[in-house]
Amino acid sequence: MSAAKDLLSNYQHVIQRLTLTTGSQGVFDVTVDGDLIFSKDQAGRHDEPGEILGLFEKSVGHVSRYGQG
């Protein structure tokens, strides 16, 4: 849940919907606007702390974090 918490804590002002969907065999994929930004299966590992947040920021471009103007 830390990826979802990171995203909502920092970008709640721009995320309209965040959906967590369970899958079989530990599937963990993160998509932004239909684009896959992280896949546990493709990476062969779990995400590192803060990794999803960094990939989200790279995907959406420059958007100020919540509360930072």
Protein backbone atom coordinates (compact mmCIF):
# COMPACT_ATOMS: atom_id res chain seq x y z
CA MET A 1 0.00 0.00 0.00
CA SER A 2 2.95 2.38 0.24
CA ALA A 3 2.82 3.15 -3.50
CA ALA A 4 -0.83 4.20 -3.25
CA LYS A 5 -0.12 6.19 -0.08
CA ASP A 6 2.84 7.95 -1.75
CA LEU A 7 0.76 8.86 -4.77
CA LEU A 8 -2.25 10.11 -2.84
CA SER A 9 -0.19 11.99 -0.25
CA ASN A 10 1.71 13.87 -2.93
CA TYR A 11 -0.71 14.12 -5.85
CA GLN A 12 -4.22 13.97 -4.43
CA HIS A 13 -4.95 17.28 -6.17
CA VAL A 14 -4.35 15.80 -9.66
CA ILE A 15 -5.38 12.14 -9.30
CA GLN A 16 -9.03 11.76 -10.14
CA ARG A 17 -9.19 8.04 -9.54
CA LEU A 18 -6.84 5.44 -8.10
CA THR A 19 -7.84 1.81 -8.41
CA LEU A 20 -6.13 -1.09 -6.71
CA THR A 21 -7.00 -4.36 -8.39
CA THR A 22 -5.91 -7.71 -7.08
CA GLY A 23 -4.52 -10.26 -9.47
CA SER A 24 -3.40 -13.83 -9.35
CA GLN A 25 0.14 -14.91 -8.51
CA GLY A 26 1.18 -11.55 -7.01
CA VAL A 27 0.59 -9.39 -10.08
CA PHE A 28 1.54 -5.77 -9.43
CA ASP A 29 1.24 -3.40 -12.39
CA VAL A 30 0.96 0.37 -12.23
CA THR A 31 -0.55 2.26 -15.15
CA VAL A 32 -1.00 6.01 -15.61
CA ASP A 33 -3.47 7.17 -18.25
CA GLY A 34 -3.34 3.72 -19.82
CA ASP A 35 0.48 3.54 -19.94
CA LEU A 36 2.26 0.87 -17.91
CA ILE A 37 4.91 2.56 -15.73
CA PHE A 38 5.85 -0.41 -13.53
CA SER A 39 5.32 -4.14 -13.72
CA LYS A 40 6.58 -6.50 -11.03
CA ASP A 41 6.45 -9.31 -13.58
CA GLN A 42 8.55 -7.45 -16.17
CA ALA A 43 11.01 -6.12 -13.57
CA GLY A 44 11.25 -9.50 -11.85
CA ARG A 45 11.08 -7.81 -8.45
CA HIS A 46 8.97 -5.69 -6.12
CA ASP A 47 9.18 -1.93 -6.41
CA GLU A 48 11.69 -0.10 -4.24
CA PRO A 49 10.47 2.51 -1.71
CA GLY A 50 9.59 5.69 -3.62
CA GLU A 51 10.12 4.07 -7.02
CA ILE A 52 6.47 4.24 -8.12
CA LEU A 53 6.29 7.89 -7.04
CA GLY A 54 9.35 8.71 -9.15
CA LEU A 55 7.97 6.86 -12.16
CA PHE A 56 4.64 8.66 -11.77
CA GLU A 57 6.40 12.03 -11.68
CA LYS A 58 8.37 11.15 -14.80
CA SER A 59 5.19 10.03 -16.55
CA VAL A 60 3.06 13.12 -15.81
CA GLY A 61 5.77 15.74 -16.21
CA HIS A 62 6.10 18.76 -13.98
CA VAL A 63 3.25 18.86 -11.49
CA SER A 64 3.80 20.40 -8.07
CA ARG A 65 3.35 18.09 -5.14
CA TYR A 66 0.32 18.70 -2.93
CA GLY A 67 0.87 21.71 -0.68
CA GLN A 68 3.97 22.91 -2.55
CA GLY A 69 2.33 25.51 -4.70
